Amino acid sequence: MCRNIRPLNNFAPPATNDEVHAAALQYVRKVAGTTKPSAANQAAFDRAVHEIAHLTRHLVDELVTTAPPKNREVEAEKARARARVRYGA
């Protein structure tokens, strides 16, 4: 799993369209193996990002859970703590 793609489900407030787009962009970059497509591939790259963002939005909106929503700040601090352990600080 690409470390730059963050979980989007079950947060309060819900994931924004910008977060969904960023996750789709990271996914397409990973699959395509490039962060900047050539001019010949730009349209296909952009279309893939748009379609994946659209489908991701539907997925996140339709998922059901009984768990309480996660707090973004708490989750971000947990990630920072894991990074400190992993990389030392």
N, C-alpha and C. Protein backbone atom coordinates (compact mmCIF):
# COMPACT_ATOMS: atom_id res chain seq x y z
N MET A 1 0.85 -1.18 0.00
CA MET A 1 0.00 0.00 0.00
C MET A 1 0.89 1.23 0.00
N CYS A 2 0.52 2.18 -0.78
CA CYS A 2 1.26 3.44 -0.84
C CYS A 2 1.06 4.19 0.47
N ARG A 3 2.14 4.59 1.10
CA ARG A 3 2.03 5.28 2.39
C ARG A 3 1.38 6.64 2.28
N ASN A 4 1.37 7.23 1.09
CA ASN A 4 0.79 8.56 0.93
C ASN A 4 -0.73 8.53 0.84
N ILE A 5 -1.31 7.37 0.62
CA ILE A 5 -2.76 7.27 0.55
C ILE A 5 -3.28 7.05 1.96
N ARG A 6 -4.10 7.95 2.42
CA ARG A 6 -4.62 7.91 3.79
C ARG A 6 -6.02 7.31 3.82
N PRO A 7 -6.36 6.61 4.90
CA PRO A 7 -7.74 6.14 5.05
C PRO A 7 -8.69 7.33 5.05
N LEU A 8 -9.83 7.17 4.42
CA LEU A 8 -10.80 8.26 4.30
C LEU A 8 -12.12 7.96 4.98
N ASN A 9 -12.33 6.73 5.39
CA ASN A 9 -13.62 6.34 5.93
C ASN A 9 -13.72 6.61 7.43
N ASN A 10 -14.91 6.97 7.86
CA ASN A 10 -15.29 7.09 9.26
C ASN A 10 -14.52 8.18 10.00
N PHE A 11 -14.47 9.35 9.42
CA PHE A 11 -13.89 10.51 10.09
C PHE A 11 -14.97 11.55 10.32
N ALA A 12 -14.79 12.32 11.35
CA ALA A 12 -15.67 13.46 11.61
C ALA A 12 -14.81 14.71 11.57
N PRO A 13 -15.06 15.62 10.68
CA PRO A 13 -16.04 15.59 9.59
C PRO A 13 -15.60 14.62 8.49
N PRO A 14 -16.54 14.24 7.61
CA PRO A 14 -16.22 13.29 6.54
C PRO A 14 -15.12 13.80 5.61
N ALA A 15 -14.52 12.88 4.88
CA ALA A 15 -13.47 13.23 3.93
C ALA A 15 -13.96 14.26 2.93
N THR A 16 -13.11 15.23 2.65
CA THR A 16 -13.47 16.27 1.68
C THR A 16 -13.20 15.77 0.26
N ASN A 17 -13.74 16.47 -0.72
CA ASN A 17 -13.46 16.12 -2.10
C ASN A 17 -11.99 16.29 -2.42
N ASP A 18 -11.32 17.26 -1.80
CA ASP A 18 -9.88 17.43 -2.01
C ASP A 18 -9.11 16.23 -1.50
N GLU A 19 -9.50 15.68 -0.35
CA GLU A 19 -8.83 14.50 0.18
C GLU A 19 -9.05 13.28 -0.71
N VAL A 20 -10.26 13.15 -1.22
CA VAL A 20 -10.58 12.05 -2.13
C VAL A 20 -9.76 12.19 -3.41
N HIS A 21 -9.68 13.39 -3.95
CA HIS A 21 -8.90 13.63 -5.16
C HIS A 21 -7.41 13.33 -4.92
N ALA A 22 -6.89 13.75 -3.78
CA ALA A 22 -5.48 13.51 -3.46
C ALA A 22 -5.19 12.01 -3.38
N ALA A 23 -6.10 11.25 -2.79
CA ALA A 23 -5.91 9.80 -2.71
C ALA A 23 -5.96 9.18 -4.11
N ALA A 24 -6.88 9.63 -4.94
CA ALA A 24 -6.97 9.12 -6.31
C ALA A 24 -5.71 9.45 -7.09
N LEU A 25 -5.20 10.66 -6.93
CA LEU A 25 -3.98 11.06 -7.62
C LEU A 25 -2.80 10.19 -7.19
N GLN A 26 -2.67 9.94 -5.90
CA GLN A 26 -1.58 9.09 -5.41
C GLN A 26 -1.70 7.68 -5.97
N TYR A 27 -2.92 7.16 -6.02
CA TYR A 27 -3.14 5.82 -6.55
C TYR A 27 -2.74 5.75 -8.03
N VAL A 28 -3.19 6.70 -8.81
CA VAL A 28 -2.87 6.70 -10.24
C VAL A 28 -1.36 6.86 -10.45
N ARG A 29 -0.72 7.72 -9.67
CA ARG A 29 0.73 7.88 -9.77
C ARG A 29 1.44 6.56 -9.48
N LYS A 30 0.98 5.84 -8.46
CA LYS A 30 1.60 4.57 -8.10
C LYS A 30 1.43 3.55 -9.21
N VAL A 31 0.21 3.42 -9.71
CA VAL A 31 -0.07 2.44 -10.75
C VAL A 31 0.66 2.79 -12.05
N ALA A 32 0.69 4.08 -12.39
CA ALA A 32 1.34 4.52 -13.63
C ALA A 32 2.86 4.51 -13.51
N GLY A 33 3.36 4.57 -12.28
CA GLY A 33 4.80 4.56 -12.08
C GLY A 33 5.45 5.91 -12.37
N THR A 34 4.66 6.97 -12.32
CA THR A 34 5.20 8.30 -12.60
C THR A 34 4.39 9.35 -11.84
N THR A 35 5.05 10.42 -11.47
CA THR A 35 4.32 11.51 -10.82
C THR A 35 3.87 12.56 -11.83
N LYS A 36 4.53 12.58 -12.98
CA LYS A 36 4.21 13.55 -14.04
C LYS A 36 4.16 12.81 -15.36
N PRO A 37 2.95 12.58 -15.89
CA PRO A 37 2.86 11.85 -17.16
C PRO A 37 3.35 12.71 -18.33
N SER A 38 3.72 12.03 -19.39
CA SER A 38 4.12 12.75 -20.61
C SER A 38 2.89 13.42 -21.21
N ALA A 39 3.13 14.35 -22.12
CA ALA A 39 2.01 15.05 -22.77
C ALA A 39 1.09 14.06 -23.48
N ALA A 40 1.67 12.99 -24.03
CA ALA A 40 0.87 11.99 -24.74
C ALA A 40 -0.05 11.22 -23.79
N ASN A 41 0.32 11.13 -22.52
CA ASN A 41 -0.46 10.36 -21.55
C ASN A 41 -1.27 11.23 -20.59
N GLN A 42 -1.15 12.54 -20.69
CA GLN A 42 -1.79 13.44 -19.73
C GLN A 42 -3.30 13.26 -19.67
N ALA A 43 -3.94 13.16 -20.80
CA ALA A 43 -5.41 13.03 -20.82
C ALA A 43 -5.86 11.74 -20.15
N ALA A 44 -5.19 10.63 -20.45
CA ALA A 44 -5.54 9.35 -19.83
C ALA A 44 -5.30 9.40 -18.32
N PHE A 45 -4.20 10.01 -17.92
CA PHE A 45 -3.85 10.16 -16.51
C PHE A 45 -4.92 10.98 -15.78
N ASP A 46 -5.28 12.12 -16.33
CA ASP A 46 -6.29 12.99 -15.72
C ASP A 46 -7.66 12.31 -15.66
N ARG A 47 -8.00 11.58 -16.71
CA ARG A 47 -9.28 10.87 -16.74
C ARG A 47 -9.31 9.79 -15.66
N ALA A 48 -8.21 9.07 -15.50
CA ALA A 48 -8.14 8.03 -14.47
C ALA A 48 -8.29 8.64 -13.08
N VAL A 49 -7.61 9.74 -12.82
CA VAL A 49 -7.73 10.41 -11.52
C VAL A 49 -9.18 10.81 -11.26
N HIS A 50 -9.82 11.40 -12.25
CA HIS A 50 -11.20 11.85 -12.12
C HIS A 50 -12.13 10.67 -11.83
N GLU A 51 -11.99 9.59 -12.59
CA GLU A 51 -12.87 8.43 -12.43
C GLU A 51 -12.65 7.74 -11.09
N ILE A 52 -11.40 7.60 -10.68
CA ILE A 52 -11.11 6.95 -9.41
C ILE A 52 -11.60 7.80 -8.25
N ALA A 53 -11.43 9.11 -8.35
CA ALA A 53 -11.95 10.00 -7.30
C ALA A 53 -13.47 9.87 -7.20
N HIS A 54 -14.13 9.82 -8.33
CA HIS A 54 -15.59 9.68 -8.37
C HIS A 54 -16.02 8.38 -7.68
N LEU A 55 -15.39 7.28 -8.04
CA LEU A 55 -15.73 5.98 -7.45
C LEU A 55 -15.37 5.94 -5.97
N THR A 56 -14.27 6.54 -5.60
CA THR A 56 -13.87 6.58 -4.19
C THR A 56 -14.88 7.35 -3.36
N ARG A 57 -15.33 8.48 -3.89
CA ARG A 57 -16.35 9.27 -3.19
C ARG A 57 -17.58 8.42 -2.94
N HIS A 58 -18.04 7.68 -3.96
CA HIS A 58 -19.21 6.82 -3.80
C HIS A 58 -18.94 5.74 -2.75
N LEU A 59 -17.77 5.14 -2.79
CA LEU A 59 -17.43 4.10 -1.83
C LEU A 59 -17.47 4.64 -0.40
N VAL A 60 -16.77 5.74 -0.17
CA VAL A 60 -16.70 6.32 1.17
C VAL A 60 -18.09 6.72 1.66
N ASP A 61 -18.91 7.26 0.77
CA ASP A 61 -20.25 7.68 1.16
C ASP A 61 -21.17 6.50 1.49
N GLU A 62 -20.91 5.34 0.89
CA GLU A 62 -21.80 4.19 1.07
C GLU A 62 -21.35 3.23 2.16
N LEU A 63 -20.11 3.33 2.62
CA LEU A 63 -19.64 2.42 3.66
C LEU A 63 -20.40 2.67 4.96
N VAL A 64 -20.70 1.59 5.66
CA VAL A 64 -21.44 1.66 6.91
C VAL A 64 -20.57 1.08 8.01
N THR A 65 -20.57 1.73 9.16
CA THR A 65 -19.82 1.23 10.30
C THR A 65 -20.56 1.56 11.59
N THR A 66 -20.33 0.74 12.59
CA THR A 66 -20.92 1.01 13.90
C THR A 66 -19.89 1.66 14.82
N ALA A 67 -18.65 1.76 14.37
CA ALA A 67 -17.60 2.38 15.18
C ALA A 67 -17.81 3.89 15.24
N PRO A 68 -17.44 4.50 16.34
CA PRO A 68 -17.56 5.96 16.40
C PRO A 68 -16.58 6.62 15.42
N PRO A 69 -16.93 7.78 14.88
CA PRO A 69 -16.03 8.46 13.94
C PRO A 69 -14.68 8.78 14.59
N LYS A 70 -13.62 8.68 13.78
CA LYS A 70 -12.27 8.98 14.27
C LYS A 70 -12.02 10.48 14.20
N ASN A 71 -11.19 10.94 15.10
CA ASN A 71 -10.80 12.34 15.14
C ASN A 71 -9.52 12.50 14.31
N ARG A 72 -9.52 13.42 13.37
CA ARG A 72 -8.37 13.61 12.47
C ARG A 72 -7.09 13.96 13.23
N GLU A 73 -7.21 14.83 14.22
CA GLU A 73 -6.01 15.25 14.97
C GLU A 73 -5.42 14.10 15.78
N VAL A 74 -6.27 13.30 16.37
CA VAL A 74 -5.80 12.15 17.14
C VAL A 74 -5.10 11.16 16.21
N GLU A 75 -5.71 10.89 15.06
CA GLU A 75 -5.11 9.96 14.10
C GLU A 75 -3.79 10.50 13.55
N ALA A 76 -3.73 11.81 13.31
CA ALA A 76 -2.49 12.43 12.82
C ALA A 76 -1.38 12.31 13.86
N GLU A 77 -1.72 12.49 15.12
CA GLU A 77 -0.71 12.36 16.18
C GLU A 77 -0.22 10.92 16.30
N LYS A 78 -1.11 9.95 16.14
CA LYS A 78 -0.71 8.55 16.15
C LYS A 78 0.27 8.27 15.01
N ALA A 79 0.00 8.83 13.84
CA ALA A 79 0.89 8.65 12.68
C ALA A 79 2.25 9.29 12.94
N ARG A 80 2.25 10.48 13.56
CA ARG A 80 3.53 11.14 13.88
C ARG A 80 4.32 10.31 14.88
N ALA A 81 3.64 9.72 15.85
CA ALA A 81 4.31 8.89 16.85
C ALA A 81 4.91 7.65 16.18
N ARG A 82 4.17 7.03 15.26
CA ARG A 82 4.73 5.87 14.54
C ARG A 82 5.95 6.28 13.72
N ALA A 83 5.89 7.45 13.11
CA ALA A 83 7.02 7.93 12.31
C ALA A 83 8.24 8.19 13.20
N ARG A 84 8.02 8.73 14.39
CA ARG A 84 9.15 8.96 15.31
C ARG A 84 9.82 7.66 15.69
N VAL A 85 9.00 6.63 15.94
CA VAL A 85 9.55 5.31 16.29
C VAL A 85 10.30 4.74 15.08
N ARG A 86 9.70 4.84 13.90
CA ARG A 86 10.27 4.27 12.69
C ARG A 86 11.56 4.96 12.28
N TYR A 87 11.57 6.28 12.31
CA TYR A 87 12.71 7.03 11.79
C TYR A 87 13.56 7.66 12.87
N GLY A 88 13.11 7.61 14.11
CA GLY A 88 13.84 8.22 15.21
C GLY A 88 13.79 9.73 15.14
N ALA A 89 13.64 10.36 16.27
CA ALA A 89 13.57 11.83 16.27
C ALA A 89 13.93 12.36 17.64
